[in-house]
Amino acid sequence: MRLQCLEDHARSLPFSCTVDVHSKGVSVAVQLDLFPTDLHLRCIDLSSNKRRFYALSVQRTLFGEWALVREWGRIGVSCHLRRDLYPSAGSAIDALIELSRQKTKRGYRAAND
């Protein structure tokens, strides 16, 4: 019963987690993401009626390439969408980080701030 509860809890976590059973007890191995693959930014300035968002996501395509998917626009309105293809996940994540730096310089902040 205790092992089933641990496995259910591991599935509900926002990062990958495995439960291993050893003869001396139960150990939980946790793998955290080192690099972000999803990022949601907002730029809100009520004095100038500015309410913008910018979302970045690294996704694998069906053909083995990696895509940096960008969505942007005014909050609450249909958005623009752009996909840029990259040969590896690392280069797509590098592009995500560079775009996030550029957007931060222009006043965008993480959506959860």
PDB file of N, CA and C in Angstrom:
ATOM      1  N   MET A   1       0.822  -1.198   0.000  1.00  0.00           N
ATOM      2  CA  MET A   1       0.000   0.000   0.000  1.00  0.00           C
ATOM      3  C   MET A   1       0.862   1.256   0.000  1.00  0.00           C
ATOM      4  N   ARG A   2       1.916   1.267   0.841  1.00  0.00           N
ATOM      5  CA  ARG A   2       2.795   2.430   0.924  1.00  0.00           C
ATOM      6  C   ARG A   2       3.494   2.669  -0.411  1.00  0.00           C
ATOM      7  N   LEU A   3       3.939   1.611  -1.077  1.00  0.00           N
ATOM      8  CA  LEU A   3       4.609   1.736  -2.369  1.00  0.00           C
ATOM      9  C   LEU A   3       3.663   2.310  -3.420  1.00  0.00           C
ATOM     10  N   GLN A   4       2.410   1.888  -3.414  1.00  0.00           N
ATOM     11  CA  GLN A   4       1.426   2.407  -4.368  1.00  0.00           C
ATOM     12  C   GLN A   4       1.213   3.907  -4.155  1.00  0.00           C
ATOM     13  N   CYS A   5       1.155   4.350  -2.904  1.00  0.00           N
ATOM     14  CA  CYS A   5       0.992   5.778  -2.609  1.00  0.00           C
ATOM     15  C   CYS A   5       2.190   6.567  -3.108  1.00  0.00           C
ATOM     16  N   LEU A   6       3.405   6.028  -2.928  1.00  0.00           N
ATOM     17  CA  LEU A   6       4.610   6.705  -3.419  1.00  0.00           C
ATOM     18  C   LEU A   6       4.604   6.805  -4.939  1.00  0.00           C
ATOM     19  N   GLU A   7       4.211   5.732  -5.624  1.00  0.00           N
ATOM     20  CA  GLU A   7       4.167   5.751  -7.085  1.00  0.00           C
ATOM     21  C   GLU A   7       3.131   6.751  -7.589  1.00  0.00           C
ATOM     22  N   ASP A   8       1.973   6.807  -6.940  1.00  0.00           N
ATOM     23  CA  ASP A   8       0.952   7.787  -7.327  1.00  0.00           C
ATOM     24  C   ASP A   8       1.455   9.207  -7.112  1.00  0.00           C
ATOM     25  N   HIS A   9       2.131   9.439  -6.007  1.00  0.00           N
ATOM     26  CA  HIS A   9       2.672  10.765  -5.722  1.00  0.00           C
ATOM     27  C   HIS A   9       3.753  11.133  -6.746  1.00  0.00           C
ATOM     28  N   ALA A  10       4.593  10.176  -7.122  1.00  0.00           N
ATOM     29  CA  ALA A  10       5.660  10.443  -8.090  1.00  0.00           C
ATOM     30  C   ALA A  10       5.079  10.857  -9.439  1.00  0.00           C
ATOM     31  N   ARG A  11       3.946  10.262  -9.834  1.00  0.00           N
ATOM     32  CA  ARG A  11       3.327  10.624 -11.111  1.00  0.00           C
ATOM     33  C   ARG A  11       2.735  12.029 -11.096  1.00  0.00           C
ATOM     34  N   SER A  12       2.391  12.531  -9.940  1.00  0.00           N
ATOM     35  CA  SER A  12       1.750  13.844  -9.858  1.00  0.00           C
ATOM     36  C   SER A  12       2.753  14.991  -9.785  1.00  0.00           C
ATOM     37  N   LEU A  13       4.035  14.694  -9.630  1.00  0.00           N
ATOM     38  CA  LEU A  13       5.032  15.753  -9.507  1.00  0.00           C
ATOM     39  C   LEU A  13       5.327  16.389 -10.860  1.00  0.00           C
ATOM     40  N   PRO A  14       5.739  17.691 -10.888  1.00  0.00           N
ATOM     41  CA  PRO A  14       5.999  18.375 -12.149  1.00  0.00           C
ATOM     42  C   PRO A  14       7.360  18.058 -12.747  1.00  0.00           C
ATOM     43  N   PHE A  15       8.067  17.065 -12.225  1.00  0.00           N
ATOM     44  CA  PHE A  15       9.340  16.642 -12.786  1.00  0.00           C
ATOM     45  C   PHE A  15       9.363  15.128 -12.780  1.00  0.00           C
ATOM     46  N   SER A  16      10.291  14.541 -13.553  1.00  0.00           N
ATOM     47  CA  SER A  16      10.315  13.090 -13.635  1.00  0.00           C
ATOM     48  C   SER A  16      10.870  12.497 -12.340  1.00  0.00           C
ATOM     49  N   CYS A  17      10.274  11.411 -11.928  1.00  0.00           N
ATOM     50  CA  CYS A  17      10.615  10.809 -10.649  1.00  0.00           C
ATOM     51  C   CYS A  17      10.354   9.314 -10.745  1.00  0.00           C
ATOM     52  N   THR A  18      11.266   8.521 -10.241  1.00  0.00           N
ATOM     53  CA  THR A  18      11.065   7.077 -10.239  1.00  0.00           C
ATOM     54  C   THR A  18      11.152   6.559  -8.810  1.00  0.00           C
ATOM     55  N   VAL A  19      10.431   5.515  -8.546  1.00  0.00           N
ATOM     56  CA  VAL A  19      10.430   4.893  -7.224  1.00  0.00           C
ATOM     57  C   VAL A  19      11.085   3.523  -7.359  1.00  0.00           C
ATOM     58  N   ASP A  20      12.168   3.300  -6.587  1.00  0.00           N
ATOM     59  CA  ASP A  20      12.877   2.027  -6.596  1.00  0.00           C
ATOM     60  C   ASP A  20      12.704   1.352  -5.240  1.00  0.00           C
ATOM     61  N   VAL A  21      12.471   0.042  -5.270  1.00  0.00           N
ATOM     62  CA  VAL A  21      12.324  -0.715  -4.036  1.00  0.00           C
ATOM     63  C   VAL A  21      13.585  -1.539  -3.829  1.00  0.00           C
ATOM     64  N   HIS A  22      14.219  -1.355  -2.681  1.00  0.00           N
ATOM     65  CA  HIS A  22      15.407  -2.127  -2.312  1.00  0.00           C
ATOM     66  C   HIS A  22      15.062  -2.977  -1.105  1.00  0.00           C
ATOM     67  N   SER A  23      15.938  -3.921  -0.773  1.00  0.00           N
ATOM     68  CA  SER A  23      15.667  -4.793   0.360  1.00  0.00           C
ATOM     69  C   SER A  23      15.638  -4.030   1.684  1.00  0.00           C
ATOM     70  N   LYS A  24      16.328  -2.874   1.747  1.00  0.00           N
ATOM     71  CA  LYS A  24      16.367  -2.117   2.997  1.00  0.00           C
ATOM     72  C   LYS A  24      15.342  -0.995   3.039  1.00  0.00           C
ATOM     73  N   GLY A  25      14.531  -0.843   2.017  1.00  0.00           N
ATOM     74  CA  GLY A  25      13.534   0.214   2.040  1.00  0.00           C
ATOM     75  C   GLY A  25      13.242   0.744   0.649  1.00  0.00           C
ATOM     76  N   VAL A  26      12.677   1.917   0.601  1.00  0.00           N
ATOM     77  CA  VAL A  26      12.251   2.525  -0.646  1.00  0.00           C
ATOM     78  C   VAL A  26      13.092   3.770  -0.884  1.00  0.00           C
ATOM     79  N   SER A  27      13.613   3.925  -2.105  1.00  0.00           N
ATOM     80  CA  SER A  27      14.338   5.152  -2.433  1.00  0.00           C
ATOM     81  C   SER A  27      13.658   5.819  -3.621  1.00  0.00           C
ATOM     82  N   VAL A  28      13.697   7.127  -3.640  1.00  0.00           N
ATOM     83  CA  VAL A  28      13.076   7.894  -4.717  1.00  0.00           C
ATOM     84  C   VAL A  28      14.171   8.643  -5.458  1.00  0.00           C
ATOM     85  N   ALA A  29      14.284   8.407  -6.758  1.00  0.00           N
ATOM     86  CA  ALA A  29      15.257   9.109  -7.586  1.00  0.00           C
ATOM     87  C   ALA A  29      14.546  10.231  -8.320  1.00  0.00           C
ATOM     88  N   VAL A  30      15.088  11.438  -8.254  1.00  0.00           N
ATOM     89  CA  VAL A  30      14.456  12.599  -8.858  1.00  0.00           C
ATOM     90  C   VAL A  30      15.358  13.153  -9.944  1.00  0.00           C
ATOM     91  N   GLN A  31      14.797  13.426 -11.110  1.00  0.00           N
ATOM     92  CA  GLN A  31      15.529  14.051 -12.210  1.00  0.00           C
ATOM     93  C   GLN A  31      14.898  15.397 -12.500  1.00  0.00           C
ATOM     94  N   LEU A  32      15.581  16.476 -12.136  1.00  0.00           N
ATOM     95  CA  LEU A  32      15.087  17.820 -12.412  1.00  0.00           C
ATOM     96  C   LEU A  32      15.601  18.285 -13.772  1.00  0.00           C
ATOM     97  N   ASP A  33      14.830  19.128 -14.439  1.00  0.00           N
ATOM     98  CA  ASP A  33      15.263  19.694 -15.699  1.00  0.00           C
ATOM     99  C   ASP A  33      16.323  20.753 -15.432  1.00  0.00           C
ATOM    100  N   LEU A  34      17.450  20.657 -16.145  1.00  0.00           N
ATOM    101  CA  LEU A  34      18.495  21.660 -15.994  1.00  0.00           C
ATOM    102  C   LEU A  34      18.191  22.920 -16.789  1.00  0.00           C
ATOM    103  N   PHE A  35      17.569  22.746 -17.933  1.00  0.00           N
ATOM    104  CA  PHE A  35      17.293  23.872 -18.806  1.00  0.00           C
ATOM    105  C   PHE A  35      15.789  23.973 -19.042  1.00  0.00           C
ATOM    106  N   PRO A  36      15.265  25.183 -19.098  1.00  0.00           N
ATOM    107  CA  PRO A  36      13.816  25.331 -19.309  1.00  0.00           C
ATOM    108  C   PRO A  36      13.426  24.949 -20.731  1.00  0.00           C
ATOM    109  N   THR A  37      12.288  24.300 -20.869  1.00  0.00           N
ATOM    110  CA  THR A  37      11.768  23.999 -22.206  1.00  0.00           C
ATOM    111  C   THR A  37      10.471  24.750 -22.469  1.00  0.00           C
ATOM    112  N   ASP A  38       9.906  25.365 -21.451  1.00  0.00           N
ATOM    113  CA  ASP A  38       8.695  26.186 -21.585  1.00  0.00           C
ATOM    114  C   ASP A  38       8.894  27.460 -20.786  1.00  0.00           C
ATOM    115  N   LEU A  39       8.510  28.591 -21.379  1.00  0.00           N
ATOM    116  CA  LEU A  39       8.654  29.862 -20.707  1.00  0.00           C
ATOM    117  C   LEU A  39       7.494  30.759 -21.094  1.00  0.00           C
ATOM    118  N   HIS A  40       6.839  31.359 -20.101  1.00  0.00           N
ATOM    119  CA  HIS A  40       5.711  32.259 -20.340  1.00  0.00           C
ATOM    120  C   HIS A  40       6.057  33.621 -19.749  1.00  0.00           C
ATOM    121  N   LEU A  41       6.076  34.631 -20.600  1.00  0.00           N
ATOM    122  CA  LEU A  41       6.428  35.990 -20.194  1.00  0.00           C
ATOM    123  C   LEU A  41       5.245  36.919 -20.396  1.00  0.00           C
ATOM    124  N   ARG A  42       5.195  37.981 -19.583  1.00  0.00           N
ATOM    125  CA  ARG A  42       4.147  39.001 -19.721  1.00  0.00           C
ATOM    126  C   ARG A  42       4.768  40.379 -19.595  1.00  0.00           C
ATOM    127  N   CYS A  43       4.179  41.318 -20.292  1.00  0.00           N
ATOM    128  CA  CYS A  43       4.563  42.719 -20.179  1.00  0.00           C
ATOM    129  C   CYS A  43       3.271  43.507 -20.022  1.00  0.00           C
ATOM    130  N   ILE A  44       3.028  44.000 -18.815  1.00  0.00           N
ATOM    131  CA  ILE A  44       1.776  44.720 -18.520  1.00  0.00           C
ATOM    132  C   ILE A  44       2.130  46.117 -18.018  1.00  0.00           C
ATOM    133  N   ASP A  45       1.621  47.115 -18.719  1.00  0.00           N
ATOM    134  CA  ASP A  45       1.779  48.511 -18.315  1.00  0.00           C
ATOM    135  C   ASP A  45       0.416  49.170 -18.459  1.00  0.00           C
ATOM    136  N   LEU A  46      -0.276  49.316 -17.348  1.00  0.00           N
ATOM    137  CA  LEU A  46      -1.647  49.832 -17.385  1.00  0.00           C
ATOM    138  C   LEU A  46      -1.712  51.281 -17.844  1.00  0.00           C
ATOM    139  N   SER A  47      -0.675  52.067 -17.575  1.00  0.00           N
ATOM    140  CA  SER A  47      -0.710  53.476 -17.964  1.00  0.00           C
ATOM    141  C   SER A  47      -0.697  53.655 -19.483  1.00  0.00           C
ATOM    142  N   SER A  48      -0.073  52.732 -20.200  1.00  0.00           N
ATOM    143  CA  SER A  48      -0.068  52.820 -21.658  1.00  0.00           C
ATOM    144  C   SER A  48      -0.970  51.769 -22.310  1.00  0.00           C
ATOM    145  N   ASN A  49      -1.823  51.105 -21.509  1.00  0.00           N
ATOM    146  CA  ASN A  49      -2.763  50.096 -21.995  1.00  0.00           C
ATOM    147  C   ASN A  49      -2.037  48.952 -22.718  1.00  0.00           C
ATOM    148  N   LYS A  50      -0.882  48.568 -22.187  1.00  0.00           N
ATOM    149  CA  LYS A  50      -0.093  47.487 -22.784  1.00  0.00           C
ATOM    150  C   LYS A  50      -0.289  46.226 -21.957  1.00  0.00           C
ATOM    151  N   ARG A  51      -0.787  45.172 -22.611  1.00  0.00           N
ATOM    152  CA  ARG A  51      -0.977  43.862 -21.974  1.00  0.00           C
ATOM    153  C   ARG A  51      -0.546  42.801 -22.973  1.00  0.00           C
ATOM    154  N   ARG A  52       0.728  42.461 -22.949  1.00  0.00           N
ATOM    155  CA  ARG A  52       1.277  41.523 -23.933  1.00  0.00           C
ATOM    156  C   ARG A  52       1.805  40.259 -23.263  1.00  0.00           C
ATOM    157  N   PHE A  53       1.849  39.191 -24.054  1.00  0.00           N
ATOM    158  CA  PHE A  53       2.451  37.951 -23.576  1.00  0.00           C
ATOM    159  C   PHE A  53       3.381  37.402 -24.644  1.00  0.00           C
ATOM    160  N   TYR A  54       4.306  36.565 -24.208  1.00  0.00           N
ATOM    161  CA  TYR A  54       5.249  35.914 -25.112  1.00  0.00           C
ATOM    162  C   TYR A  54       5.519  34.538 -24.522  1.00  0.00           C
ATOM    163  N   ALA A  55       5.208  33.495 -25.255  1.00  0.00           N
ATOM    164  CA  ALA A  55       5.400  32.122 -24.775  1.00  0.00           C
ATOM    165  C   ALA A  55       6.404  31.416 -25.674  1.00  0.00           C
ATOM    166  N   LEU A  56       7.346  30.718 -25.068  1.00  0.00           N
ATOM    167  CA  LEU A  56       8.376  29.960 -25.789  1.00  0.00           C
ATOM    168  C   LEU A  56       8.317  28.513 -25.335  1.00  0.00           C
ATOM    169  N   SER A  57       8.469  27.602 -26.292  1.00  0.00           N
ATOM    170  CA  SER A  57       8.418  26.181 -25.957  1.00  0.00           C
ATOM    171  C   SER A  57       9.321  25.406 -26.911  1.00  0.00           C
ATOM    172  N   VAL A  58      10.135  24.514 -26.383  1.00  0.00           N
ATOM    173  CA  VAL A  58      10.974  23.629 -27.196  1.00  0.00           C
ATOM    174  C   VAL A  58      10.259  22.290 -27.293  1.00  0.00           C
ATOM    175  N   GLN A  59      10.023  21.842 -28.541  1.00  0.00           N
ATOM    176  CA  GLN A  59       9.281  20.603 -28.776  1.00  0.00           C
ATOM    177  C   GLN A  59       9.975  19.777 -29.849  1.00  0.00           C
ATOM    178  N   ARG A  60       9.886  18.475 -29.738  1.00  0.00           N
ATOM    179  CA  ARG A  60      10.442  17.578 -30.747  1.00  0.00           C
ATOM    180  C   ARG A  60       9.418  17.387 -31.859  1.00  0.00           C
ATOM    181  N   THR A  61       9.876  17.405 -33.117  1.00  0.00           N
ATOM    182  CA  THR A  61       8.973  17.197 -34.244  1.00  0.00           C
ATOM    183  C   THR A  61       8.870  15.704 -34.560  1.00  0.00           C
ATOM    184  N   LEU A  62       7.966  15.356 -35.441  1.00  0.00           N
ATOM    185  CA  LEU A  62       7.803  13.953 -35.839  1.00  0.00           C
ATOM    186  C   LEU A  62       8.990  13.426 -36.633  1.00  0.00           C
ATOM    187  N   PHE A  63       9.804  14.330 -37.183  1.00  0.00           N
ATOM    188  CA  PHE A  63      10.925  13.935 -38.028  1.00  0.00           C
ATOM    189  C   PHE A  63      12.256  13.983 -37.291  1.00  0.00           C
ATOM    190  N   GLY A  64      12.235  14.104 -35.965  1.00  0.00           N
ATOM    191  CA  GLY A  64      13.447  14.056 -35.166  1.00  0.00           C
ATOM    192  C   GLY A  64      14.143  15.390 -34.984  1.00  0.00           C
ATOM    193  N   GLU A  65      13.619  16.442 -35.578  1.00  0.00           N
ATOM    194  CA  GLU A  65      14.196  17.762 -35.382  1.00  0.00           C
ATOM    195  C   GLU A  65      13.606  18.363 -34.108  1.00  0.00           C
ATOM    196  N   TRP A  66      14.132  19.508 -33.741  1.00  0.00           N
ATOM    197  CA  TRP A  66      13.628  20.219 -32.576  1.00  0.00           C
ATOM    198  C   TRP A  66      13.099  21.569 -33.017  1.00  0.00           C
ATOM    199  N   ALA A  67      11.974  21.955 -32.473  1.00  0.00           N
ATOM    200  CA  ALA A  67      11.339  23.216 -32.857  1.00  0.00           C
ATOM    201  C   ALA A  67      11.225  24.129 -31.642  1.00  0.00           C
ATOM    202  N   LEU A  68      11.533  25.395 -31.866  1.00  0.00           N
ATOM    203  CA  LEU A  68      11.262  26.431 -30.881  1.00  0.00           C
ATOM    204  C   LEU A  68       9.965  27.093 -31.317  1.00  0.00           C
ATOM    205  N   VAL A  69       8.920  26.883 -30.538  1.00  0.00           N
ATOM    206  CA  VAL A  69       7.598  27.417 -30.868  1.00  0.00           C
ATOM    207  C   VAL A  69       7.419  28.709 -30.081  1.00  0.00           C
ATOM    208  N   ARG A  70       7.101  29.781 -30.823  1.00  0.00           N
ATOM    209  CA  ARG A  70       6.888  31.081 -30.195  1.00  0.00           C
ATOM    210  C   ARG A  70       5.452  31.527 -30.419  1.00  0.00           C
ATOM    211  N   GLU A  71       4.817  31.980 -29.359  1.00  0.00           N
ATOM    212  CA  GLU A  71       3.477  32.559 -29.441  1.00  0.00           C
ATOM    213  C   GLU A  71       3.533  33.923 -28.776  1.00  0.00           C
ATOM    214  N   TRP A  72       2.939  34.933 -29.412  1.00  0.00           N
ATOM    215  CA  TRP A  72       2.951  36.261 -28.818  1.00  0.00           C
ATOM    216  C   TRP A  72       1.735  37.041 -29.252  1.00  0.00           C
ATOM    217  N   GLY A  73       1.414  38.055 -28.468  1.00  0.00           N
ATOM    218  CA  GLY A  73       0.282  38.909 -28.788  1.00  0.00           C
ATOM    219  C   GLY A  73      -0.251  39.600 -27.554  1.00  0.00           C
ATOM    220  N   ARG A  74      -1.417  40.163 -27.705  1.00  0.00           N
ATOM    221  CA  ARG A  74      -2.093  40.841 -26.596  1.00  0.00           C
ATOM    222  C   ARG A  74      -2.827  39.793 -25.762  1.00  0.00           C
ATOM    223  N   ILE A  75      -2.776  39.919 -24.462  1.00  0.00           N
ATOM    224  CA  ILE A  75      -3.443  38.972 -23.565  1.00  0.00           C
ATOM    225  C   ILE A  75      -4.946  39.017 -23.822  1.00  0.00           C
ATOM    226  N   GLY A  76      -5.545  37.851 -24.047  1.00  0.00           N
ATOM    227  CA  GLY A  76      -6.977  37.752 -24.276  1.00  0.00           C
ATOM    228  C   GLY A  76      -7.393  37.830 -25.734  1.00  0.00           C
ATOM    229  N   VAL A  77      -6.429  37.979 -26.646  1.00  0.00           N
ATOM    230  CA  VAL A  77      -6.727  38.097 -28.077  1.00  0.00           C
ATOM    231  C   VAL A  77      -5.959  36.983 -28.793  1.00  0.00           C
ATOM    232  N   SER A  78      -6.439  36.570 -29.966  1.00  0.00           N
ATOM    233  CA  SER A  78      -5.730  35.530 -30.706  1.00  0.00           C
ATOM    234  C   SER A  78      -4.292  35.963 -30.964  1.00  0.00           C
ATOM    235  N   CYS A  79      -3.404  34.998 -31.008  1.00  0.00           N
ATOM    236  CA  CYS A  79      -1.978  35.310 -31.027  1.00  0.00           C
ATOM    237  C   CYS A  79      -1.318  34.940 -32.346  1.00  0.00           C
ATOM    238  N   HIS A  80      -0.072  35.361 -32.471  1.00  0.00           N
ATOM    239  CA  HIS A  80       0.784  34.989 -33.589  1.00  0.00           C
ATOM    240  C   HIS A  80       1.553  33.742 -33.181  1.00  0.00           C
ATOM    241  N   LEU A  81       1.911  32.920 -34.167  1.00  0.00           N
ATOM    242  CA  LEU A  81       2.616  31.673 -33.901  1.00  0.00           C
ATOM    243  C   LEU A  81       3.746  31.522 -34.904  1.00  0.00           C
ATOM    244  N   ARG A  82       4.916  31.114 -34.412  1.00  0.00           N
ATOM    245  CA  ARG A  82       6.061  30.894 -35.290  1.00  0.00           C
ATOM    246  C   ARG A  82       6.833  29.679 -34.785  1.00  0.00           C
ATOM    247  N   ARG A  83       7.272  28.825 -35.723  1.00  0.00           N
ATOM    248  CA  ARG A  83       8.085  27.651 -35.391  1.00  0.00           C
ATOM    249  C   ARG A  83       9.414  27.762 -36.110  1.00  0.00           C
ATOM    250  N   ASP A  84      10.499  27.676 -35.356  1.00  0.00           N
ATOM    251  CA  ASP A  84      11.844  27.657 -35.920  1.00  0.00           C
ATOM    252  C   ASP A  84      12.448  26.287 -35.645  1.00  0.00           C
ATOM    253  N   LEU A  85      12.989  25.637 -36.666  1.00  0.00           N
ATOM    254  CA  LEU A  85      13.547  24.291 -36.520  1.00  0.00           C
ATOM    255  C   LEU A  85      15.032  24.351 -36.204  1.00  0.00           C
ATOM    256  N   TYR A  86      15.482  23.405 -35.360  1.00  0.00           N
ATOM    257  CA  TYR A  86      16.879  23.304 -34.962  1.00  0.00           C
ATOM    258  C   TYR A  86      17.298  21.839 -35.031  1.00  0.00           C
ATOM    259  N   PRO A  87      18.585  21.577 -35.300  1.00  0.00           N
ATOM    260  CA  PRO A  87      19.030  20.182 -35.422  1.00  0.00           C
ATOM    261  C   PRO A  87      19.114  19.438 -34.086  1.00  0.00           C
ATOM    262  N   SER A  88      19.239  20.179 -32.968  1.00  0.00           N
ATOM    263  CA  SER A  88      19.360  19.510 -31.660  1.00  0.00           C
ATOM    264  C   SER A  88      18.557  20.269 -30.609  1.00  0.00           C
ATOM    265  N   ALA A  89      18.283  19.574 -29.528  1.00  0.00           N
ATOM    266  CA  ALA A  89      17.559  20.206 -28.426  1.00  0.00           C
ATOM    267  C   ALA A  89      18.398  21.308 -27.796  1.00  0.00           C
ATOM    268  N   GLY A  90      19.703  21.105 -27.728  1.00  0.00           N
ATOM    269  CA  GLY A  90      20.588  22.095 -27.134  1.00  0.00           C
ATOM    270  C   GLY A  90      20.560  23.417 -27.869  1.00  0.00           C
ATOM    271  N   SER A  91      20.590  23.371 -29.198  1.00  0.00           N
ATOM    272  CA  SER A  91      20.558  24.623 -29.963  1.00  0.00           C
ATOM    273  C   SER A  91      19.200  25.304 -29.851  1.00  0.00           C
ATOM    274  N   ALA A  92      18.122  24.534 -29.746  1.00  0.00           N
ATOM    275  CA  ALA A  92      16.795  25.125 -29.563  1.00  0.00           C
ATOM    276  C   ALA A  92      16.678  25.778 -28.181  1.00  0.00           C
ATOM    277  N   ILE A  93      17.239  25.142 -27.162  1.00  0.00           N
ATOM    278  CA  ILE A  93      17.212  25.716 -25.816  1.00  0.00           C
ATOM    279  C   ILE A  93      18.078  26.967 -25.746  1.00  0.00           C
ATOM    280  N   ASP A  94      19.226  26.951 -26.449  1.00  0.00           N
ATOM    281  CA  ASP A  94      20.067  28.154 -26.509  1.00  0.00           C
ATOM    282  C   ASP A  94      19.291  29.319 -27.113  1.00  0.00           C
ATOM    283  N   ALA A  95      18.540  29.052 -28.182  1.00  0.00           N
ATOM    284  CA  ALA A  95      17.729  30.097 -28.813  1.00  0.00           C
ATOM    285  C   ALA A  95      16.634  30.583 -27.863  1.00  0.00           C
ATOM    286  N   LEU A  96      16.021  29.662 -27.106  1.00  0.00           N
ATOM    287  CA  LEU A  96      15.005  30.039 -26.125  1.00  0.00           C
ATOM    288  C   LEU A  96      15.598  30.971 -25.070  1.00  0.00           C
ATOM    289  N   ILE A  97      16.775  30.648 -24.579  1.00  0.00           N
ATOM    290  CA  ILE A  97      17.416  31.470 -23.555  1.00  0.00           C
ATOM    291  C   ILE A  97      17.762  32.844 -24.107  1.00  0.00           C
ATOM    292  N   GLU A  98      18.276  32.906 -25.332  1.00  0.00           N
ATOM    293  CA  GLU A  98      18.618  34.193 -25.942  1.00  0.00           C
ATOM    294  C   GLU A  98      17.372  35.059 -26.154  1.00  0.00           C
ATOM    295  N   LEU A  99      16.294  34.461 -26.632  1.00  0.00           N
ATOM    296  CA  LEU A  99      15.048  35.223 -26.802  1.00  0.00           C
ATOM    297  C   LEU A  99      14.495  35.703 -25.467  1.00  0.00           C
ATOM    298  N   SER A 100      14.618  34.882 -24.427  1.00  0.00           N
ATOM    299  CA  SER A 100      14.125  35.307 -23.119  1.00  0.00           C
ATOM    300  C   SER A 100      14.943  36.488 -22.595  1.00  0.00           C
ATOM    301  N   ARG A 101      16.247  36.505 -22.865  1.00  0.00           N
ATOM    302  CA  ARG A 101      17.077  37.650 -22.473  1.00  0.00           C
ATOM    303  C   ARG A 101      16.635  38.911 -23.201  1.00  0.00           C
ATOM    304  N   GLN A 102      16.391  38.784 -24.496  1.00  0.00           N
ATOM    305  CA  GLN A 102      15.954  39.946 -25.282  1.00  0.00           C
ATOM    306  C   GLN A 102      14.620  40.479 -24.772  1.00  0.00           C
ATOM    307  N   LYS A 103      13.692  39.602 -24.493  1.00  0.00           N
ATOM    308  CA  LYS A 103      12.375  40.025 -24.026  1.00  0.00           C
ATOM    309  C   LYS A 103      12.441  40.630 -22.622  1.00  0.00           C
ATOM    310  N   THR A 104      13.318  40.110 -21.775  1.00  0.00           N
ATOM    311  CA  THR A 104      13.478  40.654 -20.431  1.00  0.00           C
ATOM    312  C   THR A 104      14.006  42.091 -20.507  1.00  0.00           C
ATOM    313  N   LYS A 105      14.903  42.353 -21.429  1.00  0.00           N
ATOM    314  CA  LYS A 105      15.417  43.715 -21.618  1.00  0.00           C
ATOM    315  C   LYS A 105      14.321  44.674 -22.073  1.00  0.00           C
ATOM    316  N   ARG A 106      13.299  44.136 -22.738  1.00  0.00           N
ATOM    317  CA  ARG A 106      12.203  44.980 -23.228  1.00  0.00           C
ATOM    318  C   ARG A 106      11.035  45.080 -22.243  1.00  0.00           C
ATOM    319  N   GLY A 107      11.228  44.597 -21.021  1.00  0.00           N
ATOM    320  CA  GLY A 107      10.204  44.787 -20.000  1.00  0.00           C
ATOM    321  C   GLY A 107       9.345  43.575 -19.694  1.00  0.00           C
ATOM    322  N   TYR A 108       9.560  42.461 -20.356  1.00  0.00           N
ATOM    323  CA  TYR A 108       8.769  41.254 -20.082  1.00  0.00           C
ATOM    324  C   TYR A 108       9.295  40.590 -18.806  1.00  0.00           C
ATOM    325  N   ARG A 109       8.377  39.987 -18.042  1.00  0.00           N
ATOM    326  CA  ARG A 109       8.705  39.269 -16.816  1.00  0.00           C
ATOM    327  C   ARG A 109       8.009  37.912 -16.852  1.00  0.00           C
ATOM    328  N   ALA A 110       8.533  36.987 -16.054  1.00  0.00           N
ATOM    329  CA  ALA A 110       7.917  35.652 -15.983  1.00  0.00           C
ATOM    330  C   ALA A 110       6.469  35.786 -15.536  1.00  0.00           C
ATOM    331  N   ALA A 111       5.597  34.989 -16.116  1.00  0.00           N
ATOM    332  CA  ALA A 111       4.163  35.081 -15.855  1.00  0.00           C
ATOM    333  C   ALA A 111       3.818  34.784 -14.401  1.00  0.00           C
ATOM    334  N   ASN A 112       4.623  33.985 -13.697  1.00  0.00           N
ATOM    335  CA  ASN A 112       4.312  33.631 -12.309  1.00  0.00           C
ATOM    336  C   ASN A 112       4.846  34.656 -11.315  1.00  0.00           C
ATOM    337  N   ASP A 113       5.533  35.707 -11.761  1.00  0.00           N
ATOM    338  CA  ASP A 113       6.037  36.753 -10.852  1.00  0.00           C
ATOM    339  C   ASP A 113       4.940  37.696 -10.440  1.00  0.00           C
TER     340      ASP A 113
END
